[in-house]
Amino acid sequence: MLIGDLNFSLGVTKSRGPRDKIDNFSDFFVSELATQKLLDIKPMKLKPTWINHHIEDQIAKIVDTFLVTEAMVGNFNILQQWVGSRGESNHSPILLKLKYHGPK
């Protein structure tokens, strides 16, 4: 499992604002994710995890995420991500719920 702030979004559906285009490095990274068989766990509600807080030219993106292996997905019957409430930071916390269905 890889967790963290990618500093770019993995697609145009994960970005909004005046410059809501795909990030330059995204194509390469998405290709590498496929090669490594890592899956991007989609949040239950698509809301941004980062906002730049500029009055003009405000941009909001989903840049914080959980990436998991295909094998890990097969071992859990519930694998859900959601975005928590933002405090003073420009990033919101991300949370992951796992429910294992194998032997205890």
PDB file of N, CA and C in Angstrom:
ATOM      1  N   MET A   1       0.848  -1.168   0.000  1.00  0.00           N
ATOM      2  CA  MET A   1       0.000   0.000   0.000  1.00  0.00           C
ATOM      3  C   MET A   1       0.893   1.230   0.000  1.00  0.00           C
ATOM      4  N   LEU A   2       0.519   2.193  -0.823  1.00  0.00           N
ATOM      5  CA  LEU A   2       1.223   3.471  -0.897  1.00  0.00           C
ATOM      6  C   LEU A   2       0.214   4.558  -0.549  1.00  0.00           C
ATOM      7  N   ILE A   3       0.561   5.389   0.420  1.00  0.00           N
ATOM      8  CA  ILE A   3      -0.346   6.426   0.896  1.00  0.00           C
ATOM      9  C   ILE A   3       0.391   7.747   0.844  1.00  0.00           C
ATOM     10  N   GLY A   4      -0.287   8.784   0.361  1.00  0.00           N
ATOM     11  CA  GLY A   4       0.371  10.073   0.475  1.00  0.00           C
ATOM     12  C   GLY A   4      -0.125  11.136  -0.467  1.00  0.00           C
ATOM     13  N   ASP A   5       0.602  12.226  -0.449  1.00  0.00           N
ATOM     14  CA  ASP A   5       0.341  13.412  -1.249  1.00  0.00           C
ATOM     15  C   ASP A   5       1.153  13.288  -2.538  1.00  0.00           C
ATOM     16  N   LEU A   6       0.464  13.068  -3.645  1.00  0.00           N
ATOM     17  CA  LEU A   6       1.160  12.892  -4.922  1.00  0.00           C
ATOM     18  C   LEU A   6       1.640  14.214  -5.518  1.00  0.00           C
ATOM     19  N   ASN A   7       1.101  15.335  -5.053  1.00  0.00           N
ATOM     20  CA  ASN A   7       1.378  16.664  -5.596  1.00  0.00           C
ATOM     21  C   ASN A   7       0.904  16.842  -7.033  1.00  0.00           C
ATOM     22  N   PHE A   8       0.077  15.950  -7.511  1.00  0.00           N
ATOM     23  CA  PHE A   8      -0.619  16.114  -8.787  1.00  0.00           C
ATOM     24  C   PHE A   8      -1.826  15.201  -8.761  1.00  0.00           C
ATOM     25  N   SER A   9      -2.795  15.512  -9.613  1.00  0.00           N
ATOM     26  CA  SER A   9      -3.993  14.687  -9.674  1.00  0.00           C
ATOM     27  C   SER A   9      -3.836  13.633 -10.759  1.00  0.00           C
ATOM     28  N   LEU A  10      -4.556  12.536 -10.603  1.00  0.00           N
ATOM     29  CA  LEU A  10      -4.447  11.414 -11.546  1.00  0.00           C
ATOM     30  C   LEU A  10      -5.464  11.487 -12.679  1.00  0.00           C
ATOM     31  N   GLY A  11      -6.053  12.631 -12.924  1.00  0.00           N
ATOM     32  CA  GLY A  11      -6.990  12.782 -14.028  1.00  0.00           C
ATOM     33  C   GLY A  11      -7.775  14.070 -13.913  1.00  0.00           C
ATOM     34  N   VAL A  12      -8.413  14.481 -15.015  1.00  0.00           N
ATOM     35  CA  VAL A  12      -9.153  15.742 -15.013  1.00  0.00           C
ATOM     36  C   VAL A  12     -10.383  15.684 -14.128  1.00  0.00           C
ATOM     37  N   THR A  13     -10.916  14.509 -13.851  1.00  0.00           N
ATOM     38  CA  THR A  13     -12.081  14.407 -12.975  1.00  0.00           C
ATOM     39  C   THR A  13     -11.705  14.665 -11.521  1.00  0.00           C
ATOM     40  N   LYS A  14     -10.419  14.716 -11.218  1.00  0.00           N
ATOM     41  CA  LYS A  14      -9.951  14.934  -9.850  1.00  0.00           C
ATOM     42  C   LYS A  14      -9.440  16.352  -9.639  1.00  0.00           C
ATOM     43  N   SER A  15      -9.839  17.253 -10.511  1.00  0.00           N
ATOM     44  CA  SER A  15      -9.354  18.627 -10.427  1.00  0.00           C
ATOM     45  C   SER A  15     -10.466  19.570 -10.857  1.00  0.00           C
ATOM     46  N   ARG A  16     -10.530  20.756 -10.212  1.00  0.00           N
ATOM     47  CA  ARG A  16     -11.468  21.774 -10.671  1.00  0.00           C
ATOM     48  C   ARG A  16     -10.864  23.142 -10.419  1.00  0.00           C
ATOM     49  N   GLY A  17     -11.259  24.072 -11.252  1.00  0.00           N
ATOM     50  CA  GLY A  17     -10.741  25.430 -11.153  1.00  0.00           C
ATOM     51  C   GLY A  17     -10.401  25.935 -12.535  1.00  0.00           C
ATOM     52  N   PRO A  18      -9.849  27.148 -12.606  1.00  0.00           N
ATOM     53  CA  PRO A  18      -9.546  27.754 -13.901  1.00  0.00           C
ATOM     54  C   PRO A  18      -8.548  26.960 -14.732  1.00  0.00           C
ATOM     55  N   ARG A  19      -7.702  26.192 -14.049  1.00  0.00           N
ATOM     56  CA  ARG A  19      -6.698  25.395 -14.770  1.00  0.00           C
ATOM     57  C   ARG A  19      -6.940  23.917 -14.486  1.00  0.00           C
ATOM     58  N   ASP A  20      -8.151  23.456 -14.802  1.00  0.00           N
ATOM     59  CA  ASP A  20      -8.512  22.084 -14.448  1.00  0.00           C
ATOM     60  C   ASP A  20      -8.096  21.082 -15.521  1.00  0.00           C
ATOM     61  N   LYS A  21      -6.865  21.206 -15.981  1.00  0.00           N
ATOM     62  CA  LYS A  21      -6.328  20.255 -16.944  1.00  0.00           C
ATOM     63  C   LYS A  21      -5.515  19.186 -16.208  1.00  0.00           C
ATOM     64  N   ILE A  22      -5.223  18.118 -16.908  1.00  0.00           N
ATOM     65  CA  ILE A  22      -4.449  17.033 -16.307  1.00  0.00           C
ATOM     66  C   ILE A  22      -3.009  17.494 -16.071  1.00  0.00           C
ATOM     67  N   ASP A  23      -2.415  17.051 -14.992  1.00  0.00           N
ATOM     68  CA  ASP A  23      -1.034  17.404 -14.684  1.00  0.00           C
ATOM     69  C   ASP A  23      -0.069  16.693 -15.642  1.00  0.00           C
ATOM     70  N   ASN A  24       1.045  17.345 -15.957  1.00  0.00           N
ATOM     71  CA  ASN A  24       2.008  16.823 -16.923  1.00  0.00           C
ATOM     72  C   ASN A  24       2.548  15.450 -16.562  1.00  0.00           C
ATOM     73  N   PHE A  25       2.819  15.208 -15.297  1.00  0.00           N
ATOM     74  CA  PHE A  25       3.443  13.962 -14.867  1.00  0.00           C
ATOM     75  C   PHE A  25       2.431  12.825 -14.729  1.00  0.00           C
ATOM     76  N   SER A  26       1.151  13.142 -14.799  1.00  0.00           N
ATOM     77  CA  SER A  26       0.095  12.175 -14.532  1.00  0.00           C
ATOM     78  C   SER A  26       0.122  10.979 -15.491  1.00  0.00           C
ATOM     79  N   ASP A  27       0.290  11.195 -16.781  1.00  0.00           N
ATOM     80  CA  ASP A  27       0.291  10.085 -17.748  1.00  0.00           C
ATOM     81  C   ASP A  27       1.368   9.062 -17.421  1.00  0.00           C
ATOM     82  N   PHE A  28       2.572   9.529 -17.110  1.00  0.00           N
ATOM     83  CA  PHE A  28       3.659   8.628 -16.758  1.00  0.00           C
ATOM     84  C   PHE A  28       3.316   7.843 -15.492  1.00  0.00           C
ATOM     85  N   PHE A  29       2.809   8.542 -14.484  1.00  0.00           N
ATOM     86  CA  PHE A  29       2.521   7.895 -13.212  1.00  0.00           C
ATOM     87  C   PHE A  29       1.394   6.872 -13.352  1.00  0.00           C
ATOM     88  N   VAL A  30       0.361   7.194 -14.104  1.00  0.00           N
ATOM     89  CA  VAL A  30      -0.745   6.248 -14.324  1.00  0.00           C
ATOM     90  C   VAL A  30      -0.231   5.000 -15.032  1.00  0.00           C
ATOM     91  N   SER A  31       0.678   5.167 -15.984  1.00  0.00           N
ATOM     92  CA  SER A  31       1.302   4.030 -16.663  1.00  0.00           C
ATOM     93  C   SER A  31       2.091   3.178 -15.687  1.00  0.00           C
ATOM     94  N   GLU A  32       2.857   3.815 -14.811  1.00  0.00           N
ATOM     95  CA  GLU A  32       3.624   3.083 -13.797  1.00  0.00           C
ATOM     96  C   GLU A  32       2.716   2.359 -12.816  1.00  0.00           C
ATOM     97  N   LEU A  33       1.606   2.971 -12.452  1.00  0.00           N
ATOM     98  CA  LEU A  33       0.644   2.307 -11.565  1.00  0.00           C
ATOM     99  C   LEU A  33       0.161   1.002 -12.193  1.00  0.00           C
ATOM    100  N   ALA A  34      -0.153   1.053 -13.471  1.00  0.00           N
ATOM    101  CA  ALA A  34      -0.614  -0.150 -14.177  1.00  0.00           C
ATOM    102  C   ALA A  34       0.487  -1.206 -14.220  1.00  0.00           C
ATOM    103  N   THR A  35       1.716  -0.788 -14.487  1.00  0.00           N
ATOM    104  CA  THR A  35       2.845  -1.719 -14.535  1.00  0.00           C
ATOM    105  C   THR A  35       3.055  -2.404 -13.188  1.00  0.00           C
ATOM    106  N   GLN A  36       2.939  -1.646 -12.119  1.00  0.00           N
ATOM    107  CA  GLN A  36       3.137  -2.177 -10.763  1.00  0.00           C
ATOM    108  C   GLN A  36       1.875  -2.820 -10.193  1.00  0.00           C
ATOM    109  N   LYS A  37       0.796  -2.799 -10.970  1.00  0.00           N
ATOM    110  CA  LYS A  37      -0.504  -3.351 -10.557  1.00  0.00           C
ATOM    111  C   LYS A  37      -1.013  -2.702  -9.273  1.00  0.00           C
ATOM    112  N   LEU A  38      -0.862  -1.369  -9.215  1.00  0.00           N
ATOM    113  CA  LEU A  38      -1.400  -0.587  -8.106  1.00  0.00           C
ATOM    114  C   LEU A  38      -2.690   0.087  -8.543  1.00  0.00           C
ATOM    115  N   LEU A  39      -3.685   0.044  -7.674  1.00  0.00           N
ATOM    116  CA  LEU A  39      -4.981   0.625  -7.968  1.00  0.00           C
ATOM    117  C   LEU A  39      -5.204   1.866  -7.112  1.00  0.00           C
ATOM    118  N   ASP A  40      -5.810   2.866  -7.712  1.00  0.00           N
ATOM    119  CA  ASP A  40      -6.162   4.099  -7.016  1.00  0.00           C
ATOM    120  C   ASP A  40      -7.547   3.892  -6.403  1.00  0.00           C
ATOM    121  N   ILE A  41      -7.626   3.895  -5.074  1.00  0.00           N
ATOM    122  CA  ILE A  41      -8.909   3.720  -4.395  1.00  0.00           C
ATOM    123  C   ILE A  41      -9.661   5.046  -4.469  1.00  0.00           C
ATOM    124  N   LYS A  42     -10.811   5.035  -5.120  1.00  0.00           N
ATOM    125  CA  LYS A  42     -11.605   6.246  -5.280  1.00  0.00           C
ATOM    126  C   LYS A  42     -12.304   6.592  -3.970  1.00  0.00           C
ATOM    127  N   PRO A  43     -12.318   7.881  -3.599  1.00  0.00           N
ATOM    128  CA  PRO A  43     -13.051   8.273  -2.399  1.00  0.00           C
ATOM    129  C   PRO A  43     -14.547   8.021  -2.564  1.00  0.00           C
ATOM    130  N   MET A  44     -15.238   7.775  -1.459  1.00  0.00           N
ATOM    131  CA  MET A  44     -16.673   7.530  -1.511  1.00  0.00           C
ATOM    132  C   MET A  44     -17.410   8.740  -2.064  1.00  0.00           C
ATOM    133  N   LYS A  45     -16.967   9.936  -1.714  1.00  0.00           N
ATOM    134  CA  LYS A  45     -17.508  11.173  -2.281  1.00  0.00           C
ATOM    135  C   LYS A  45     -16.344  11.919  -2.896  1.00  0.00           C
ATOM    136  N   LEU A  46     -16.488  12.303  -4.151  1.00  0.00           N
ATOM    137  CA  LEU A  46     -15.406  13.022  -4.819  1.00  0.00           C
ATOM    138  C   LEU A  46     -15.365  14.455  -4.320  1.00  0.00           C
ATOM    139  N   LYS A  47     -14.513  14.690  -3.337  1.00  0.00           N
ATOM    140  CA  LYS A  47     -14.272  16.054  -2.889  1.00  0.00           C
ATOM    141  C   LYS A  47     -12.771  16.252  -2.813  1.00  0.00           C
ATOM    142  N   PRO A  48     -12.317  17.487  -3.027  1.00  0.00           N
ATOM    143  CA  PRO A  48     -10.870  17.726  -3.087  1.00  0.00           C
ATOM    144  C   PRO A  48     -10.184  17.455  -1.750  1.00  0.00           C
ATOM    145  N   THR A  49      -8.946  17.019  -1.848  1.00  0.00           N
ATOM    146  CA  THR A  49      -8.115  16.831  -0.651  1.00  0.00           C
ATOM    147  C   THR A  49      -7.140  17.992  -0.480  1.00  0.00           C
ATOM    148  N   TRP A  50      -7.046  18.858  -1.494  1.00  0.00           N
ATOM    149  CA  TRP A  50      -6.144  20.011  -1.446  1.00  0.00           C
ATOM    150  C   TRP A  50      -6.797  21.191  -2.153  1.00  0.00           C
ATOM    151  N   ILE A  51      -6.681  22.367  -1.559  1.00  0.00           N
ATOM    152  CA  ILE A  51      -7.154  23.623  -2.156  1.00  0.00           C
ATOM    153  C   ILE A  51      -6.045  24.644  -1.972  1.00  0.00           C
ATOM    154  N   ASN A  52      -5.770  25.434  -3.024  1.00  0.00           N
ATOM    155  CA  ASN A  52      -4.658  26.384  -2.940  1.00  0.00           C
ATOM    156  C   ASN A  52      -4.993  27.661  -2.181  1.00  0.00           C
ATOM    157  N   HIS A  53      -6.244  27.896  -1.814  1.00  0.00           N
ATOM    158  CA  HIS A  53      -6.687  29.036  -1.002  1.00  0.00           C
ATOM    159  C   HIS A  53      -6.437  30.408  -1.629  1.00  0.00           C
ATOM    160  N   HIS A  54      -6.242  30.491  -2.928  1.00  0.00           N
ATOM    161  CA  HIS A  54      -6.117  31.793  -3.574  1.00  0.00           C
ATOM    162  C   HIS A  54      -7.514  32.333  -3.849  1.00  0.00           C
ATOM    163  N   ILE A  55      -7.717  33.630  -3.600  1.00  0.00           N
ATOM    164  CA  ILE A  55      -9.022  34.241  -3.848  1.00  0.00           C
ATOM    165  C   ILE A  55      -9.348  34.150  -5.338  1.00  0.00           C
ATOM    166  N   GLU A  56      -8.410  34.570  -6.158  1.00  0.00           N
ATOM    167  CA  GLU A  56      -8.561  34.441  -7.603  1.00  0.00           C
ATOM    168  C   GLU A  56      -7.780  33.207  -8.037  1.00  0.00           C
ATOM    169  N   ASP A  57      -8.235  32.580  -9.069  1.00  0.00           N
ATOM    170  CA  ASP A  57      -7.532  31.415  -9.615  1.00  0.00           C
ATOM    171  C   ASP A  57      -7.466  30.260  -8.617  1.00  0.00           C
ATOM    172  N   GLN A  58      -8.569  30.064  -7.858  1.00  0.00           N
ATOM    173  CA  GLN A  58      -8.593  28.973  -6.877  1.00  0.00           C
ATOM    174  C   GLN A  58      -8.643  27.628  -7.591  1.00  0.00           C
ATOM    175  N   ILE A  59      -7.853  26.692  -7.117  1.00  0.00           N
ATOM    176  CA  ILE A  59      -7.787  25.351  -7.683  1.00  0.00           C
ATOM    177  C   ILE A  59      -8.018  24.354  -6.557  1.00  0.00           C
ATOM    178  N   ALA A  60      -8.803  23.324  -6.836  1.00  0.00           N
ATOM    179  CA  ALA A  60      -9.046  22.255  -5.870  1.00  0.00           C
ATOM    180  C   ALA A  60      -8.775  20.938  -6.573  1.00  0.00           C
ATOM    181  N   LYS A  61      -8.024  20.052  -5.907  1.00  0.00           N
ATOM    182  CA  LYS A  61      -7.649  18.777  -6.524  1.00  0.00           C
ATOM    183  C   LYS A  61      -7.684  17.650  -5.512  1.00  0.00           C
ATOM    184  N   ILE A  62      -7.838  16.438  -6.020  1.00  0.00           N
ATOM    185  CA  ILE A  62      -7.626  15.240  -5.217  1.00  0.00           C
ATOM    186  C   ILE A  62      -6.192  14.807  -5.500  1.00  0.00           C
ATOM    187  N   VAL A  63      -5.297  15.117  -4.563  1.00  0.00           N
ATOM    188  CA  VAL A  63      -3.882  14.769  -4.732  1.00  0.00           C
ATOM    189  C   VAL A  63      -3.414  13.775  -3.674  1.00  0.00           C
ATOM    190  N   ASP A  64      -4.184  13.637  -2.603  1.00  0.00           N
ATOM    191  CA  ASP A  64      -3.851  12.703  -1.523  1.00  0.00           C
ATOM    192  C   ASP A  64      -4.668  11.432  -1.765  1.00  0.00           C
ATOM    193  N   THR A  65      -4.019  10.284  -1.711  1.00  0.00           N
ATOM    194  CA  THR A  65      -4.735   9.058  -2.062  1.00  0.00           C
ATOM    195  C   THR A  65      -4.075   7.828  -1.457  1.00  0.00           C
ATOM    196  N   PHE A  66      -4.808   6.727  -1.502  1.00  0.00           N
ATOM    197  CA  PHE A  66      -4.298   5.405  -1.157  1.00  0.00           C
ATOM    198  C   PHE A  66      -4.147   4.630  -2.459  1.00  0.00           C
ATOM    199  N   LEU A  67      -3.010   4.006  -2.664  1.00  0.00           N
ATOM    200  CA  LEU A  67      -2.778   3.127  -3.799  1.00  0.00           C
ATOM    201  C   LEU A  67      -2.514   1.737  -3.231  1.00  0.00           C
ATOM    202  N   VAL A  68      -3.232   0.741  -3.723  1.00  0.00           N
ATOM    203  CA  VAL A  68      -3.103  -0.615  -3.176  1.00  0.00           C
ATOM    204  C   VAL A  68      -2.886  -1.614  -4.310  1.00  0.00           C
ATOM    205  N   THR A  69      -2.334  -2.764  -3.954  1.00  0.00           N
ATOM    206  CA  THR A  69      -2.114  -3.815  -4.949  1.00  0.00           C
ATOM    207  C   THR A  69      -3.423  -4.541  -5.249  1.00  0.00           C
ATOM    208  N   GLU A  70      -3.486  -5.152  -6.418  1.00  0.00           N
ATOM    209  CA  GLU A  70      -4.652  -5.951  -6.785  1.00  0.00           C
ATOM    210  C   GLU A  70      -4.851  -7.084  -5.785  1.00  0.00           C
ATOM    211  N   ALA A  71      -3.765  -7.679  -5.302  1.00  0.00           N
ATOM    212  CA  ALA A  71      -3.851  -8.770  -4.328  1.00  0.00           C
ATOM    213  C   ALA A  71      -4.508  -8.292  -3.038  1.00  0.00           C
ATOM    214  N   MET A  72      -4.190  -7.081  -2.632  1.00  0.00           N
ATOM    215  CA  MET A  72      -4.782  -6.547  -1.411  1.00  0.00           C
ATOM    216  C   MET A  72      -6.291  -6.372  -1.570  1.00  0.00           C
ATOM    217  N   VAL A  73      -6.718  -5.904  -2.733  1.00  0.00           N
ATOM    218  CA  VAL A  73      -8.151  -5.742  -2.998  1.00  0.00           C
ATOM    219  C   VAL A  73      -8.857  -7.087  -2.887  1.00  0.00           C
ATOM    220  N   GLY A  74      -8.216  -8.158  -3.362  1.00  0.00           N
ATOM    221  CA  GLY A  74      -8.805  -9.498  -3.300  1.00  0.00           C
ATOM    222  C   GLY A  74      -8.932 -10.044  -1.889  1.00  0.00           C
ATOM    223  N   ASN A  75      -8.137  -9.532  -0.947  1.00  0.00           N
ATOM    224  CA  ASN A  75      -8.166 -10.020   0.427  1.00  0.00           C
ATOM    225  C   ASN A  75      -9.145  -9.281   1.331  1.00  0.00           C
ATOM    226  N   PHE A  76      -9.744  -8.215   0.841  1.00  0.00           N
ATOM    227  CA  PHE A  76     -10.658  -7.413   1.655  1.00  0.00           C
ATOM    228  C   PHE A  76     -12.001  -7.309   0.950  1.00  0.00           C
ATOM    229  N   ASN A  77     -13.096  -7.528   1.697  1.00  0.00           N
ATOM    230  CA  ASN A  77     -14.394  -7.366   1.057  1.00  0.00           C
ATOM    231  C   ASN A  77     -14.912  -5.939   1.180  1.00  0.00           C
ATOM    232  N   ILE A  78     -14.344  -5.148   2.053  1.00  0.00           N
ATOM    233  CA  ILE A  78     -14.656  -3.722   2.115  1.00  0.00           C
ATOM    234  C   ILE A  78     -13.338  -2.965   2.073  1.00  0.00           C
ATOM    235  N   LEU A  79     -13.207  -2.113   1.106  1.00  0.00           N
ATOM    236  CA  LEU A  79     -12.015  -1.282   0.949  1.00  0.00           C
ATOM    237  C   LEU A  79     -12.537   0.083   0.510  1.00  0.00           C
ATOM    238  N   GLN A  80     -12.715   1.001   1.448  1.00  0.00           N
ATOM    239  CA  GLN A  80     -13.324   2.290   1.161  1.00  0.00           C
ATOM    240  C   GLN A  80     -12.421   3.420   1.622  1.00  0.00           C
ATOM    241  N   GLN A  81     -12.365   4.468   0.820  1.00  0.00           N
ATOM    242  CA  GLN A  81     -11.614   5.670   1.172  1.00  0.00           C
ATOM    243  C   GLN A  81     -12.584   6.836   1.264  1.00  0.00           C
ATOM    244  N   TRP A  82     -12.359   7.705   2.218  1.00  0.00           N
ATOM    245  CA  TRP A  82     -13.115   8.940   2.258  1.00  0.00           C
ATOM    246  C   TRP A  82     -12.216  10.066   2.710  1.00  0.00           C
ATOM    247  N   VAL A  83     -12.689  11.283   2.462  1.00  0.00           N
ATOM    248  CA  VAL A  83     -11.929  12.497   2.755  1.00  0.00           C
ATOM    249  C   VAL A  83     -12.527  13.141   4.000  1.00  0.00           C
ATOM    250  N   GLY A  84     -11.677  13.401   4.997  1.00  0.00           N
ATOM    251  CA  GLY A  84     -12.128  14.031   6.235  1.00  0.00           C
ATOM    252  C   GLY A  84     -12.253  15.533   6.098  1.00  0.00           C
ATOM    253  N   SER A  85     -12.625  16.176   7.197  1.00  0.00           N
ATOM    254  CA  SER A  85     -12.804  17.628   7.222  1.00  0.00           C
ATOM    255  C   SER A  85     -11.461  18.335   7.322  1.00  0.00           C
ATOM    256  N   ARG A  86     -11.334  19.381   6.542  1.00  0.00           N
ATOM    257  CA  ARG A  86     -10.113  20.173   6.511  1.00  0.00           C
ATOM    258  C   ARG A  86     -10.097  21.106   7.712  1.00  0.00           C
ATOM    259  N   GLY A  87      -8.979  21.203   8.358  1.00  0.00           N
ATOM    260  CA  GLY A  87      -8.812  22.161   9.451  1.00  0.00           C
ATOM    261  C   GLY A  87      -8.162  23.421   8.913  1.00  0.00           C
ATOM    262  N   GLU A  88      -7.088  23.831   9.512  1.00  0.00           N
ATOM    263  CA  GLU A  88      -6.344  25.018   9.070  1.00  0.00           C
ATOM    264  C   GLU A  88      -5.451  24.723   7.871  1.00  0.00           C
ATOM    265  N   SER A  89      -5.154  23.458   7.645  1.00  0.00           N
ATOM    266  CA  SER A  89      -4.268  23.050   6.556  1.00  0.00           C
ATOM    267  C   SER A  89      -4.964  23.215   5.211  1.00  0.00           C
ATOM    268  N   ASN A  90      -4.181  23.254   4.133  1.00  0.00           N
ATOM    269  CA  ASN A  90      -4.769  23.248   2.798  1.00  0.00           C
ATOM    270  C   ASN A  90      -5.016  21.826   2.303  1.00  0.00           C
ATOM    271  N   HIS A  91      -4.663  20.806   3.111  1.00  0.00           N
ATOM    272  CA  HIS A  91      -4.933  19.405   2.808  1.00  0.00           C
ATOM    273  C   HIS A  91      -5.970  18.858   3.781  1.00  0.00           C
ATOM    274  N   SER A  92      -6.836  17.985   3.273  1.00  0.00           N
ATOM    275  CA  SER A  92      -7.786  17.266   4.130  1.00  0.00           C
ATOM    276  C   SER A  92      -7.212  15.893   4.422  1.00  0.00           C
ATOM    277  N   PRO A  93      -7.500  15.341   5.604  1.00  0.00           N
ATOM    278  CA  PRO A  93      -7.037  13.979   5.880  1.00  0.00           C
ATOM    279  C   PRO A  93      -7.797  12.973   5.019  1.00  0.00           C
ATOM    280  N   ILE A  94      -7.134  11.883   4.672  1.00  0.00           N
ATOM    281  CA  ILE A  94      -7.807  10.791   3.961  1.00  0.00           C
ATOM    282  C   ILE A  94      -7.829   9.577   4.873  1.00  0.00           C
ATOM    283  N   LEU A  95      -8.906   8.833   4.808  1.00  0.00           N
ATOM    284  CA  LEU A  95      -9.108   7.683   5.687  1.00  0.00           C
ATOM    285  C   LEU A  95      -9.436   6.463   4.835  1.00  0.00           C
ATOM    286  N   LEU A  96      -9.028   5.290   5.308  1.00  0.00           N
ATOM    287  CA  LEU A  96      -9.272   4.049   4.587  1.00  0.00           C
ATOM    288  C   LEU A  96      -9.895   3.039   5.537  1.00  0.00           C
ATOM    289  N   LYS A  97     -10.976   2.421   5.093  1.00  0.00           N
ATOM    290  CA  LYS A  97     -11.633   1.372   5.877  1.00  0.00           C
ATOM    291  C   LYS A  97     -11.352   0.040   5.194  1.00  0.00           C
ATOM    292  N   LEU A  98     -10.827  -0.908   5.963  1.00  0.00           N
ATOM    293  CA  LEU A  98     -10.527  -2.246   5.462  1.00  0.00           C
ATOM    294  C   LEU A  98     -11.320  -3.257   6.279  1.00  0.00           C
ATOM    295  N   LYS A  99     -11.877  -4.242   5.625  1.00  0.00           N
ATOM    296  CA  LYS A  99     -12.509  -5.342   6.330  1.00  0.00           C
ATOM    297  C   LYS A  99     -12.011  -6.639   5.691  1.00  0.00           C
ATOM    298  N   TYR A 100     -11.236  -7.382   6.449  1.00  0.00           N
ATOM    299  CA  TYR A 100     -10.614  -8.616   5.972  1.00  0.00           C
ATOM    300  C   TYR A 100     -11.620  -9.747   6.009  1.00  0.00           C
ATOM    301  N   HIS A 101     -11.658 -10.572   4.971  1.00  0.00           N
ATOM    302  CA  HIS A 101     -12.611 -11.674   4.955  1.00  0.00           C
ATOM    303  C   HIS A 101     -11.929 -13.048   4.923  1.00  0.00           C
ATOM    304  N   GLY A 102     -10.656 -13.079   5.227  1.00  0.00           N
ATOM    305  CA  GLY A 102      -9.918 -14.350   5.231  1.00  0.00           C
ATOM    306  C   GLY A 102      -9.886 -14.972   6.613  1.00  0.00           C
ATOM    307  N   PRO A 103      -9.017 -15.967   6.807  1.00  0.00           N
ATOM    308  CA  PRO A 103      -8.900 -16.619   8.112  1.00  0.00           C
ATOM    309  C   PRO A 103      -8.425 -15.632   9.175  1.00  0.00           C
ATOM    310  N   LYS A 104      -8.892 -15.823  10.389  1.00  0.00           N
ATOM    311  CA  LYS A 104      -8.514 -14.900  11.483  1.00  0.00           C
ATOM    312  C   LYS A 104      -7.235 -15.374  12.142  1.00  0.00           C
TER     313      LYS A 104
END
